[in-house]
Amino acid sequence: MLGASMAGLLARMAADGVPRNRGAAQAWTEFNGRVLCRTGAPRERPGFQPRRPYLEGRVRDEVRGMPNVVLRDDCAALGPVTSASRDRVTGVRVAPRDGDEETLPADLVVDATGRGGRTPAWLRELGDDAPVGGYPGHHPPVDHEGFAAYLDSVAPEFVSVALRDADWLDDPRQHRYLAADAATTNGSAGFPRGCSWPATPCAASTRCSGRA
């Protein structure tokens, strides 16, 4: 998808030495203890496997080079601007670090800040309900044995084996965050048109440290 929208991106990634995957023989995919088939002819078009910091930096450079794109750095988004009837977003208020607050007019405003996005709060300020979704009650236990048993049900066997053979450095800790289903609004009830929120799924994670 990125290669189709950014001419030359894949060629530059290849020149930078980004690892490429040409098929199942070079990949390991496992679901519920079952490893998917790893045979078959190589793909004609390889898939690239860049590290996330590299990919984000490269995409940012590509976007900066587009003649019809302007990036505004060091700006805080303060909230959307709507029509008088509040049924359509018409722009966004921003505050530059070293300047006065201003309004940027827009046909579409996208909150792409992920799970920390302010869209739920902004929607509530507009009198709308924020979308919330996820997996109620699906939380890993925070005791060693409980967490190990939970991992057995969701992770490949070698991960569980490594965890059980490790020396725990401390107790597992649970971290929760609020998030929501991706919500690209189109003027449906409760949402202003022109507002898009590709948010992350709702989940809870348990982090632990181990020493092999």
N, C-alpha and C. Protein backbone atom coordinates (compact mmCIF):
# COMPACT_ATOMS: atom_id res chain seq x y z
N MET A 1 0.83 -1.19 0.00
CA MET A 1 0.00 0.00 0.00
C MET A 1 0.87 1.25 0.00
N LEU A 2 1.89 1.28 0.88
CA LEU A 2 2.78 2.43 0.91
C LEU A 2 3.56 2.54 -0.38
N GLY A 3 3.98 1.39 -0.92
CA GLY A 3 4.73 1.40 -2.17
C GLY A 3 3.92 1.96 -3.32
N ALA A 4 2.61 1.73 -3.31
CA ALA A 4 1.76 2.23 -4.38
C ALA A 4 1.53 3.73 -4.27
N SER A 5 1.52 4.27 -3.06
CA SER A 5 1.25 5.69 -2.87
C SER A 5 2.50 6.55 -2.81
N MET A 6 3.66 5.92 -2.65
CA MET A 6 4.91 6.67 -2.55
C MET A 6 5.90 6.09 -3.55
N ALA A 7 5.98 6.70 -4.70
CA ALA A 7 6.83 6.20 -5.78
C ALA A 7 8.29 6.14 -5.32
N GLY A 8 8.90 4.99 -5.53
CA GLY A 8 10.31 4.84 -5.21
C GLY A 8 10.60 4.43 -3.78
N LEU A 9 9.57 4.36 -2.94
CA LEU A 9 9.80 4.03 -1.54
C LEU A 9 10.42 2.65 -1.37
N LEU A 10 9.86 1.64 -2.04
CA LEU A 10 10.37 0.28 -1.88
C LEU A 10 11.78 0.15 -2.41
N ALA A 11 12.08 0.84 -3.49
CA ALA A 11 13.44 0.79 -4.04
C ALA A 11 14.43 1.38 -3.05
N ARG A 12 14.05 2.46 -2.39
CA ARG A 12 14.94 3.08 -1.40
C ARG A 12 15.09 2.19 -0.17
N MET A 13 14.01 1.50 0.20
CA MET A 13 14.11 0.58 1.33
C MET A 13 15.05 -0.58 1.00
N ALA A 14 14.95 -1.08 -0.23
CA ALA A 14 15.84 -2.15 -0.65
C ALA A 14 17.30 -1.68 -0.66
N ALA A 15 17.53 -0.46 -1.14
CA ALA A 15 18.88 0.08 -1.17
C ALA A 15 19.44 0.27 0.24
N ASP A 16 18.55 0.51 1.21
CA ASP A 16 18.98 0.68 2.60
C ASP A 16 19.21 -0.66 3.29
N GLY A 17 18.95 -1.76 2.60
CA GLY A 17 19.20 -3.07 3.18
C GLY A 17 18.11 -3.59 4.08
N VAL A 18 16.88 -3.10 3.91
CA VAL A 18 15.77 -3.60 4.72
C VAL A 18 15.52 -5.06 4.37
N PRO A 19 15.41 -5.95 5.37
CA PRO A 19 15.15 -7.37 5.09
C PRO A 19 13.86 -7.57 4.31
N ARG A 20 13.90 -8.54 3.40
CA ARG A 20 12.72 -8.83 2.59
C ARG A 20 12.31 -10.29 2.76
N ASN A 21 11.03 -10.52 2.73
CA ASN A 21 10.47 -11.86 2.89
C ASN A 21 9.79 -12.26 1.59
N ARG A 22 10.24 -13.34 1.00
CA ARG A 22 9.70 -13.75 -0.31
C ARG A 22 8.73 -14.91 -0.23
N GLY A 23 8.27 -15.25 0.93
CA GLY A 23 7.28 -16.32 0.99
C GLY A 23 7.28 -17.06 2.29
N ALA A 24 6.42 -18.11 2.36
CA ALA A 24 6.22 -18.84 3.60
C ALA A 24 7.49 -19.52 4.09
N ALA A 25 8.39 -19.90 3.18
CA ALA A 25 9.61 -20.58 3.59
C ALA A 25 10.51 -19.67 4.42
N GLN A 26 10.31 -18.37 4.33
CA GLN A 26 11.12 -17.42 5.08
C GLN A 26 10.35 -16.78 6.24
N ALA A 27 9.18 -17.33 6.55
CA ALA A 27 8.36 -16.75 7.61
C ALA A 27 7.94 -17.82 8.60
N TRP A 28 7.60 -17.39 9.79
CA TRP A 28 7.11 -18.28 10.84
C TRP A 28 5.82 -17.68 11.37
N THR A 29 4.71 -18.35 11.09
CA THR A 29 3.42 -17.88 11.57
C THR A 29 2.72 -19.00 12.31
N GLU A 30 2.32 -18.74 13.54
CA GLU A 30 1.71 -19.77 14.38
C GLU A 30 0.44 -19.25 15.02
N PHE A 31 -0.63 -20.06 14.97
CA PHE A 31 -1.88 -19.73 15.61
C PHE A 31 -2.33 -20.91 16.45
N ASN A 32 -2.53 -20.66 17.75
CA ASN A 32 -3.03 -21.71 18.65
C ASN A 32 -2.21 -22.99 18.57
N GLY A 33 -0.90 -22.83 18.53
CA GLY A 33 -0.01 -23.99 18.51
C GLY A 33 0.16 -24.64 17.16
N ARG A 34 -0.42 -24.10 16.11
CA ARG A 34 -0.30 -24.67 14.78
C ARG A 34 0.52 -23.74 13.89
N VAL A 35 1.63 -24.27 13.41
CA VAL A 35 2.50 -23.49 12.51
C VAL A 35 1.94 -23.59 11.10
N LEU A 36 1.73 -22.45 10.47
CA LEU A 36 1.21 -22.46 9.10
C LEU A 36 2.24 -23.00 8.13
N CYS A 37 1.75 -23.45 6.99
CA CYS A 37 2.59 -24.06 5.97
C CYS A 37 3.77 -23.14 5.63
N ARG A 38 4.98 -23.72 5.57
CA ARG A 38 6.17 -22.94 5.28
C ARG A 38 6.80 -23.37 3.95
N THR A 39 6.00 -23.89 3.06
CA THR A 39 6.49 -24.32 1.75
C THR A 39 5.81 -23.50 0.67
N GLY A 40 6.21 -23.73 -0.54
CA GLY A 40 5.61 -23.03 -1.65
C GLY A 40 6.62 -22.19 -2.41
N ALA A 41 6.25 -21.80 -3.61
CA ALA A 41 7.16 -21.02 -4.45
C ALA A 41 7.33 -19.61 -3.88
N PRO A 42 8.50 -19.02 -4.04
CA PRO A 42 8.73 -17.65 -3.56
C PRO A 42 7.81 -16.66 -4.25
N ARG A 43 7.39 -15.65 -3.53
CA ARG A 43 6.56 -14.61 -4.11
C ARG A 43 7.38 -13.77 -5.08
N GLU A 44 6.73 -13.35 -6.16
CA GLU A 44 7.42 -12.49 -7.13
C GLU A 44 7.73 -11.13 -6.52
N ARG A 45 6.80 -10.61 -5.72
CA ARG A 45 7.01 -9.33 -5.05
C ARG A 45 7.24 -9.59 -3.57
N PRO A 46 8.43 -9.31 -3.06
CA PRO A 46 8.72 -9.61 -1.65
C PRO A 46 8.02 -8.64 -0.71
N GLY A 47 7.87 -9.08 0.52
CA GLY A 47 7.37 -8.20 1.55
C GLY A 47 8.54 -7.66 2.36
N PHE A 48 8.50 -6.40 2.68
CA PHE A 48 9.59 -5.77 3.44
C PHE A 48 9.30 -5.86 4.93
N GLN A 49 10.36 -6.00 5.71
CA GLN A 49 10.24 -6.12 7.15
C GLN A 49 11.16 -5.11 7.85
N PRO A 50 10.83 -3.83 7.75
CA PRO A 50 11.67 -2.81 8.39
C PRO A 50 11.39 -2.69 9.88
N ARG A 51 12.35 -2.16 10.60
CA ARG A 51 12.11 -1.82 12.00
C ARG A 51 11.21 -0.59 12.05
N ARG A 52 10.40 -0.51 13.07
CA ARG A 52 9.41 0.56 13.12
C ARG A 52 10.04 1.96 13.10
N PRO A 53 11.10 2.25 13.88
CA PRO A 53 11.67 3.60 13.81
C PRO A 53 12.15 3.96 12.40
N TYR A 54 12.75 2.97 11.70
CA TYR A 54 13.19 3.23 10.33
C TYR A 54 12.00 3.53 9.43
N LEU A 55 10.95 2.71 9.52
CA LEU A 55 9.79 2.89 8.66
C LEU A 55 9.13 4.25 8.89
N GLU A 56 8.95 4.62 10.15
CA GLU A 56 8.31 5.90 10.43
C GLU A 56 9.15 7.06 9.93
N GLY A 57 10.48 6.96 10.10
CA GLY A 57 11.35 8.02 9.61
C GLY A 57 11.35 8.12 8.10
N ARG A 58 11.37 6.97 7.43
CA ARG A 58 11.39 6.96 5.98
C ARG A 58 10.08 7.50 5.41
N VAL A 59 8.96 7.08 5.98
CA VAL A 59 7.66 7.57 5.51
C VAL A 59 7.54 9.07 5.74
N ARG A 60 8.03 9.53 6.88
CA ARG A 60 7.98 10.96 7.16
C ARG A 60 8.79 11.74 6.12
N ASP A 61 9.96 11.23 5.77
CA ASP A 61 10.78 11.90 4.75
C ASP A 61 10.06 11.92 3.40
N GLU A 62 9.39 10.82 3.06
CA GLU A 62 8.66 10.76 1.80
C GLU A 62 7.53 11.78 1.77
N VAL A 63 6.80 11.86 2.89
CA VAL A 63 5.68 12.80 2.97
C VAL A 63 6.18 14.24 2.89
N ARG A 64 7.28 14.52 3.56
CA ARG A 64 7.84 15.87 3.52
C ARG A 64 8.19 16.30 2.09
N GLY A 65 8.54 15.32 1.26
CA GLY A 65 8.94 15.64 -0.10
C GLY A 65 7.78 15.84 -1.06
N MET A 66 6.56 15.60 -0.61
CA MET A 66 5.40 15.77 -1.49
C MET A 66 5.07 17.25 -1.65
N PRO A 67 4.89 17.74 -2.87
CA PRO A 67 4.67 19.18 -3.08
C PRO A 67 3.35 19.70 -2.53
N ASN A 68 2.37 18.82 -2.35
CA ASN A 68 1.05 19.28 -1.88
C ASN A 68 0.83 19.00 -0.40
N VAL A 69 1.91 18.74 0.35
CA VAL A 69 1.82 18.44 1.78
C VAL A 69 2.66 19.44 2.56
N VAL A 70 2.08 19.97 3.63
CA VAL A 70 2.80 20.87 4.53
C VAL A 70 2.75 20.27 5.93
N LEU A 71 3.91 20.07 6.55
CA LEU A 71 3.98 19.56 7.91
C LEU A 71 4.21 20.71 8.87
N ARG A 72 3.41 20.75 9.91
CA ARG A 72 3.54 21.78 10.93
C ARG A 72 4.08 21.14 12.20
N ASP A 73 5.34 21.35 12.49
CA ASP A 73 5.95 20.77 13.68
C ASP A 73 5.72 21.66 14.90
N ASP A 74 5.94 21.07 16.07
CA ASP A 74 5.86 21.81 17.33
C ASP A 74 4.51 22.52 17.50
N CYS A 75 3.44 21.81 17.15
CA CYS A 75 2.09 22.34 17.33
C CYS A 75 1.28 21.38 18.19
N ALA A 76 0.51 21.93 19.09
CA ALA A 76 -0.41 21.12 19.89
C ALA A 76 -1.81 21.26 19.33
N ALA A 77 -2.47 20.13 19.08
CA ALA A 77 -3.86 20.16 18.63
C ALA A 77 -4.76 20.39 19.83
N LEU A 78 -5.57 21.44 19.78
CA LEU A 78 -6.42 21.81 20.90
C LEU A 78 -7.85 21.28 20.77
N GLY A 79 -8.24 20.92 19.55
CA GLY A 79 -9.58 20.40 19.37
C GLY A 79 -10.16 20.77 18.03
N PRO A 80 -11.18 20.06 17.58
CA PRO A 80 -11.79 20.33 16.29
C PRO A 80 -12.68 21.56 16.32
N VAL A 81 -12.85 22.16 15.16
CA VAL A 81 -13.79 23.26 14.96
C VAL A 81 -14.95 22.71 14.15
N THR A 82 -16.17 23.02 14.55
CA THR A 82 -17.34 22.47 13.87
C THR A 82 -18.22 23.58 13.32
N SER A 83 -19.16 23.15 12.51
CA SER A 83 -20.18 24.06 12.03
C SER A 83 -21.08 24.47 13.19
N ALA A 84 -21.93 25.49 12.96
CA ALA A 84 -22.80 25.98 14.03
C ALA A 84 -23.73 24.89 14.56
N SER A 85 -24.13 23.98 13.69
CA SER A 85 -25.02 22.90 14.11
C SER A 85 -24.26 21.71 14.72
N ARG A 86 -22.93 21.79 14.70
CA ARG A 86 -22.06 20.76 15.26
C ARG A 86 -22.21 19.41 14.58
N ASP A 87 -22.68 19.39 13.36
CA ASP A 87 -22.83 18.12 12.65
C ASP A 87 -21.70 17.89 11.65
N ARG A 88 -20.75 18.83 11.58
CA ARG A 88 -19.63 18.66 10.66
C ARG A 88 -18.40 19.37 11.20
N VAL A 89 -17.25 18.68 11.11
CA VAL A 89 -15.97 19.28 11.48
C VAL A 89 -15.48 20.13 10.31
N THR A 90 -15.05 21.34 10.62
CA THR A 90 -14.61 22.26 9.57
C THR A 90 -13.14 22.66 9.71
N GLY A 91 -12.48 22.17 10.74
CA GLY A 91 -11.08 22.51 10.92
C GLY A 91 -10.59 22.05 12.28
N VAL A 92 -9.42 22.52 12.66
CA VAL A 92 -8.84 22.15 13.95
C VAL A 92 -8.08 23.34 14.52
N ARG A 93 -8.20 23.51 15.84
CA ARG A 93 -7.45 24.57 16.51
C ARG A 93 -6.08 24.04 16.93
N VAL A 94 -5.04 24.79 16.64
CA VAL A 94 -3.68 24.38 17.00
C VAL A 94 -2.98 25.53 17.72
N ALA A 95 -1.99 25.16 18.52
CA ALA A 95 -1.20 26.14 19.25
C ALA A 95 0.27 25.87 19.00
N PRO A 96 0.92 26.64 18.14
CA PRO A 96 2.36 26.49 17.92
C PRO A 96 3.12 26.76 19.21
N ARG A 97 4.26 26.12 19.36
CA ARG A 97 5.03 26.30 20.58
C ARG A 97 5.40 27.76 20.80
N ASP A 98 5.77 28.46 19.74
CA ASP A 98 6.20 29.86 19.86
C ASP A 98 5.29 30.78 19.06
N GLY A 99 4.00 30.64 19.23
CA GLY A 99 3.07 31.47 18.48
C GLY A 99 1.70 31.47 19.09
N ASP A 100 0.80 32.16 18.47
CA ASP A 100 -0.56 32.27 18.95
C ASP A 100 -1.43 31.14 18.41
N GLU A 101 -2.49 30.83 19.13
CA GLU A 101 -3.44 29.82 18.68
C GLU A 101 -4.04 30.24 17.34
N GLU A 102 -4.25 29.26 16.48
CA GLU A 102 -4.86 29.54 15.19
C GLU A 102 -5.75 28.37 14.79
N THR A 103 -6.59 28.61 13.80
CA THR A 103 -7.48 27.58 13.29
C THR A 103 -7.09 27.22 11.87
N LEU A 104 -6.90 25.92 11.65
CA LEU A 104 -6.59 25.43 10.31
C LEU A 104 -7.87 24.86 9.71
N PRO A 105 -8.40 25.46 8.64
CA PRO A 105 -9.61 24.92 8.01
C PRO A 105 -9.32 23.58 7.35
N ALA A 106 -10.29 22.68 7.35
CA ALA A 106 -10.08 21.36 6.77
C ALA A 106 -11.41 20.72 6.42
N ASP A 107 -11.40 19.93 5.35
CA ASP A 107 -12.57 19.11 5.00
C ASP A 107 -12.59 17.82 5.81
N LEU A 108 -11.42 17.38 6.27
CA LEU A 108 -11.31 16.14 7.05
C LEU A 108 -10.24 16.33 8.10
N VAL A 109 -10.56 15.97 9.33
CA VAL A 109 -9.60 16.02 10.43
C VAL A 109 -9.40 14.59 10.94
N VAL A 110 -8.15 14.13 10.98
CA VAL A 110 -7.83 12.77 11.41
C VAL A 110 -6.98 12.83 12.68
N ASP A 111 -7.45 12.19 13.73
CA ASP A 111 -6.66 12.05 14.94
C ASP A 111 -5.84 10.78 14.80
N ALA A 112 -4.55 10.92 14.48
CA ALA A 112 -3.68 9.76 14.24
C ALA A 112 -2.69 9.58 15.37
N THR A 113 -3.06 9.99 16.59
CA THR A 113 -2.14 9.91 17.71
C THR A 113 -2.27 8.61 18.51
N GLY A 114 -3.09 7.68 18.01
CA GLY A 114 -3.16 6.36 18.64
C GLY A 114 -3.95 6.35 19.94
N ARG A 115 -3.54 5.46 20.85
CA ARG A 115 -4.32 5.24 22.08
C ARG A 115 -4.34 6.46 22.99
N GLY A 116 -3.39 7.38 22.81
CA GLY A 116 -3.38 8.59 23.62
C GLY A 116 -4.14 9.73 22.99
N GLY A 117 -4.87 9.46 21.92
CA GLY A 117 -5.58 10.51 21.22
C GLY A 117 -6.64 11.19 22.09
N ARG A 118 -6.93 12.44 21.76
CA ARG A 118 -7.88 13.23 22.54
C ARG A 118 -9.29 13.19 21.96
N THR A 119 -9.50 12.43 20.89
CA THR A 119 -10.81 12.42 20.25
C THR A 119 -11.96 12.09 21.21
N PRO A 120 -11.84 11.09 22.09
CA PRO A 120 -12.97 10.82 23.00
C PRO A 120 -13.36 12.04 23.82
N ALA A 121 -12.35 12.75 24.36
CA ALA A 121 -12.65 13.94 25.16
C ALA A 121 -13.26 15.04 24.29
N TRP A 122 -12.74 15.21 23.09
CA TRP A 122 -13.26 16.25 22.20
C TRP A 122 -14.71 15.96 21.82
N LEU A 123 -15.02 14.69 21.56
CA LEU A 123 -16.39 14.33 21.22
C LEU A 123 -17.33 14.61 22.37
N ARG A 124 -16.88 14.32 23.59
CA ARG A 124 -17.72 14.59 24.75
C ARG A 124 -17.95 16.10 24.91
N GLU A 125 -16.91 16.89 24.63
CA GLU A 125 -17.06 18.35 24.71
C GLU A 125 -18.08 18.85 23.68
N LEU A 126 -18.21 18.11 22.57
CA LEU A 126 -19.18 18.49 21.54
C LEU A 126 -20.57 17.93 21.84
N GLY A 127 -20.67 17.17 22.94
CA GLY A 127 -21.96 16.59 23.30
C GLY A 127 -22.21 15.24 22.68
N ASP A 128 -21.15 14.60 22.13
CA ASP A 128 -21.30 13.29 21.51
C ASP A 128 -20.74 12.21 22.43
N ASP A 129 -21.13 10.98 22.16
CA ASP A 129 -20.60 9.84 22.90
C ASP A 129 -19.34 9.33 22.22
N ALA A 130 -18.32 9.07 23.02
CA ALA A 130 -17.09 8.51 22.47
C ALA A 130 -17.25 7.01 22.27
N PRO A 131 -16.80 6.47 21.12
CA PRO A 131 -16.91 5.03 20.88
C PRO A 131 -15.93 4.26 21.75
N VAL A 132 -16.39 3.21 22.36
CA VAL A 132 -15.54 2.36 23.20
C VAL A 132 -15.80 0.92 22.83
N GLY A 133 -14.74 0.17 22.66
CA GLY A 133 -14.88 -1.24 22.34
C GLY A 133 -13.70 -2.01 22.86
N GLY A 134 -13.68 -3.32 22.63
CA GLY A 134 -12.54 -4.10 23.06
C GLY A 134 -12.94 -5.46 23.55
N TYR A 135 -12.28 -5.91 24.61
CA TYR A 135 -12.45 -7.26 25.11
C TYR A 135 -12.71 -7.22 26.61
N PRO A 136 -13.94 -6.97 27.04
CA PRO A 136 -14.25 -6.88 28.46
C PRO A 136 -13.89 -8.16 29.20
N GLY A 137 -13.19 -8.01 30.31
CA GLY A 137 -12.85 -9.15 31.14
C GLY A 137 -11.68 -9.97 30.65
N HIS A 138 -11.09 -9.59 29.52
CA HIS A 138 -9.98 -10.37 28.96
C HIS A 138 -8.67 -9.77 29.46
N HIS A 139 -8.33 -10.09 30.73
CA HIS A 139 -7.13 -9.51 31.33
C HIS A 139 -6.21 -10.62 31.82
N PRO A 140 -4.91 -10.59 31.50
CA PRO A 140 -3.98 -11.59 31.99
C PRO A 140 -3.87 -11.52 33.51
N PRO A 141 -3.74 -12.68 34.18
CA PRO A 141 -3.54 -12.68 35.63
C PRO A 141 -2.20 -12.03 35.99
N VAL A 142 -2.07 -11.60 37.24
CA VAL A 142 -0.84 -10.93 37.65
C VAL A 142 -0.01 -11.78 38.60
N ASP A 143 -0.38 -13.03 38.82
CA ASP A 143 0.49 -13.95 39.57
C ASP A 143 1.28 -14.79 38.58
N HIS A 144 2.43 -15.30 39.01
CA HIS A 144 3.34 -16.00 38.10
C HIS A 144 2.68 -17.18 37.41
N GLU A 145 2.08 -18.09 38.19
CA GLU A 145 1.49 -19.28 37.60
C GLU A 145 0.29 -18.93 36.73
N GLY A 146 -0.53 -17.99 37.18
CA GLY A 146 -1.68 -17.60 36.40
C GLY A 146 -1.29 -16.97 35.07
N PHE A 147 -0.25 -16.14 35.11
CA PHE A 147 0.20 -15.51 33.88
C PHE A 147 0.81 -16.55 32.93
N ALA A 148 1.56 -17.51 33.48
CA ALA A 148 2.15 -18.56 32.65
C ALA A 148 1.06 -19.39 31.99
N ALA A 149 0.00 -19.71 32.74
CA ALA A 149 -1.11 -20.48 32.17
C ALA A 149 -1.82 -19.68 31.09
N TYR A 150 -1.99 -18.39 31.33
CA TYR A 150 -2.61 -17.52 30.32
C TYR A 150 -1.77 -17.51 29.05
N LEU A 151 -0.45 -17.41 29.22
CA LEU A 151 0.44 -17.37 28.06
C LEU A 151 0.35 -18.67 27.27
N ASP A 152 0.16 -19.79 27.95
CA ASP A 152 0.01 -21.07 27.26
C ASP A 152 -1.14 -21.03 26.26
N SER A 153 -2.16 -20.24 26.56
CA SER A 153 -3.36 -20.22 25.71
C SER A 153 -3.26 -19.26 24.54
N VAL A 154 -2.30 -18.35 24.56
CA VAL A 154 -2.25 -17.33 23.51
C VAL A 154 -0.92 -17.24 22.77
N ALA A 155 0.14 -17.86 23.32
CA ALA A 155 1.47 -17.70 22.73
C ALA A 155 2.02 -19.02 22.22
N PRO A 156 2.98 -18.99 21.29
CA PRO A 156 3.63 -20.22 20.84
C PRO A 156 4.30 -20.95 22.00
N GLU A 157 4.44 -22.25 21.87
CA GLU A 157 4.96 -23.07 22.96
C GLU A 157 6.35 -22.62 23.41
N PHE A 158 7.21 -22.23 22.46
CA PHE A 158 8.58 -21.88 22.84
C PHE A 158 8.61 -20.63 23.74
N VAL A 159 7.60 -19.76 23.60
CA VAL A 159 7.54 -18.59 24.47
C VAL A 159 7.19 -19.01 25.89
N SER A 160 6.23 -19.91 26.03
CA SER A 160 5.85 -20.40 27.36
C SER A 160 7.01 -21.13 28.02
N VAL A 161 7.72 -21.95 27.24
CA VAL A 161 8.87 -22.68 27.79
C VAL A 161 9.94 -21.71 28.28
N ALA A 162 10.23 -20.70 27.49
CA ALA A 162 11.24 -19.71 27.89
C ALA A 162 10.81 -18.98 29.16
N LEU A 163 9.53 -18.67 29.28
CA LEU A 163 9.04 -17.97 30.47
C LEU A 163 9.18 -18.85 31.71
N ARG A 164 8.80 -20.12 31.59
CA ARG A 164 8.85 -21.01 32.75
C ARG A 164 10.29 -21.32 33.16
N ASP A 165 11.23 -21.26 32.23
CA ASP A 165 12.64 -21.52 32.55
C ASP A 165 13.38 -20.28 33.02
N ALA A 166 12.71 -19.12 32.96
CA ALA A 166 13.37 -17.86 33.32
C ALA A 166 13.31 -17.62 34.82
N ASP A 167 14.24 -16.80 35.30
CA ASP A 167 14.22 -16.34 36.69
C ASP A 167 13.48 -15.00 36.72
N TRP A 168 12.39 -14.96 37.47
CA TRP A 168 11.60 -13.72 37.55
C TRP A 168 12.38 -12.67 38.33
N LEU A 169 12.41 -11.47 37.81
CA LEU A 169 13.07 -10.36 38.49
C LEU A 169 12.12 -9.61 39.41
N ASP A 170 10.83 -9.65 39.09
CA ASP A 170 9.83 -9.02 39.96
C ASP A 170 8.47 -9.61 39.61
N ASP A 171 7.44 -9.12 40.24
CA ASP A 171 6.09 -9.62 39.99
C ASP A 171 5.53 -9.00 38.71
N PRO A 172 4.65 -9.73 38.02
CA PRO A 172 3.99 -9.14 36.84
C PRO A 172 3.18 -7.92 37.25
N ARG A 173 3.09 -6.96 36.35
CA ARG A 173 2.29 -5.76 36.60
C ARG A 173 1.30 -5.59 35.46
N GLN A 174 0.13 -5.18 35.80
CA GLN A 174 -0.91 -5.01 34.79
C GLN A 174 -1.04 -3.54 34.43
N HIS A 175 -1.09 -3.28 33.12
CA HIS A 175 -1.22 -1.92 32.61
C HIS A 175 -2.47 -1.88 31.74
N ARG A 176 -3.39 -1.00 32.06
CA ARG A 176 -4.62 -0.88 31.28
C ARG A 176 -4.68 0.48 30.62
N TYR A 177 -5.33 0.52 29.49
CA TYR A 177 -5.54 1.80 28.83
C TYR A 177 -6.90 1.77 28.13
N LEU A 178 -7.47 2.95 27.99
CA LEU A 178 -8.74 3.09 27.29
C LEU A 178 -8.47 3.31 25.82
N ALA A 179 -9.20 2.65 25.00
CA ALA A 179 -9.07 2.82 23.56
C ALA A 179 -10.41 2.50 22.94
N ALA A 180 -10.46 2.40 21.63
CA ALA A 180 -11.75 2.17 21.01
C ALA A 180 -11.58 1.58 19.63
N ASP A 181 -12.71 1.12 19.08
CA ASP A 181 -12.71 0.63 17.72
C ASP A 181 -12.38 1.76 16.77
N ALA A 182 -11.81 1.41 15.64
CA ALA A 182 -11.57 2.43 14.62
C ALA A 182 -12.89 3.08 14.27
N ALA A 183 -12.91 4.38 14.29
CA ALA A 183 -14.17 5.10 14.06
C ALA A 183 -13.96 6.17 13.00
N THR A 184 -14.24 5.82 11.77
CA THR A 184 -14.22 6.82 10.71
C THR A 184 -15.65 7.25 10.50
N THR A 185 -15.96 8.46 10.91
CA THR A 185 -17.35 8.87 10.94
C THR A 185 -17.80 9.43 9.61
N ASN A 186 -19.06 9.26 9.34
CA ASN A 186 -19.63 9.74 8.07
C ASN A 186 -20.95 10.46 8.30
N GLY A 187 -21.06 11.09 9.47
CA GLY A 187 -22.28 11.81 9.76
C GLY A 187 -23.35 10.96 10.40
N SER A 188 -22.99 9.75 10.87
CA SER A 188 -23.98 8.92 11.53
C SER A 188 -24.34 9.54 12.86
N ALA A 189 -25.39 9.04 13.48
CA ALA A 189 -25.90 9.63 14.72
C ALA A 189 -24.80 9.70 15.76
N GLY A 190 -24.63 10.87 16.35
CA GLY A 190 -23.67 11.03 17.43
C GLY A 190 -22.29 11.46 17.00
N PHE A 191 -22.02 11.58 15.68
CA PHE A 191 -20.70 11.96 15.23
C PHE A 191 -20.79 13.05 14.17
N PRO A 192 -19.92 14.04 14.27
CA PRO A 192 -19.89 15.07 13.22
C PRO A 192 -19.19 14.54 11.98
N ARG A 193 -19.65 14.92 10.81
CA ARG A 193 -18.99 14.52 9.58
C ARG A 193 -17.62 15.19 9.49
N GLY A 194 -16.69 14.52 8.81
CA GLY A 194 -15.37 15.09 8.62
C GLY A 194 -14.41 14.80 9.75
N CYS A 195 -14.79 13.87 10.65
CA CYS A 195 -13.93 13.50 11.77
C CYS A 195 -13.56 12.03 11.63
N SER A 196 -12.27 11.73 11.68
CA SER A 196 -11.82 10.34 11.55
C SER A 196 -10.90 10.01 12.70
N TRP A 197 -11.15 8.85 13.31
CA TRP A 197 -10.35 8.45 14.46
C TRP A 197 -9.93 6.99 14.31
N PRO A 198 -8.77 6.70 13.68
CA PRO A 198 -8.30 5.32 13.58
C PRO A 198 -7.63 4.90 14.86
N ALA A 199 -8.41 4.57 15.87
CA ALA A 199 -7.87 4.30 17.19
C ALA A 199 -7.43 2.85 17.32
N THR A 200 -6.73 2.55 18.40
CA THR A 200 -6.22 1.22 18.64
C THR A 200 -7.26 0.38 19.36
N PRO A 201 -7.19 -0.98 19.28
CA PRO A 201 -8.13 -1.82 20.00
C PRO A 201 -7.95 -1.68 21.51
N CYS A 202 -9.01 -1.97 22.23
CA CYS A 202 -8.95 -1.91 23.69
C CYS A 202 -8.45 -3.24 24.23
N ALA A 203 -7.51 -3.20 25.13
CA ALA A 203 -6.96 -4.43 25.68
C ALA A 203 -6.28 -4.10 27.00
N ALA A 204 -5.82 -5.13 27.67
CA ALA A 204 -5.00 -4.94 28.86
C ALA A 204 -3.77 -5.80 28.70
N SER A 205 -2.64 -5.30 29.12
CA SER A 205 -1.41 -6.05 28.95
C SER A 205 -0.75 -6.28 30.30
N THR A 206 -0.03 -7.37 30.42
CA THR A 206 0.73 -7.66 31.63
C THR A 206 2.20 -7.73 31.25
N ARG A 207 3.00 -6.99 31.95
CA ARG A 207 4.43 -6.96 31.64
C ARG A 207 5.19 -7.62 32.75
N CYS A 208 6.14 -8.45 32.40
CA CYS A 208 6.98 -9.07 33.41
C CYS A 208 8.40 -9.11 32.89
N SER A 209 9.33 -9.25 33.79
CA SER A 209 10.74 -9.32 33.42
C SER A 209 11.27 -10.69 33.74
N GLY A 210 12.13 -11.18 32.92
CA GLY A 210 12.71 -12.49 33.16
C GLY A 210 14.15 -12.53 32.74
N ARG A 211 14.90 -13.46 33.30
CA ARG A 211 16.31 -13.62 32.95
C ARG A 211 16.52 -15.07 32.59
N ALA A 212 16.89 -15.33 31.32
CA ALA A 212 17.03 -16.71 30.88
C ALA A 212 18.23 -17.36 31.54
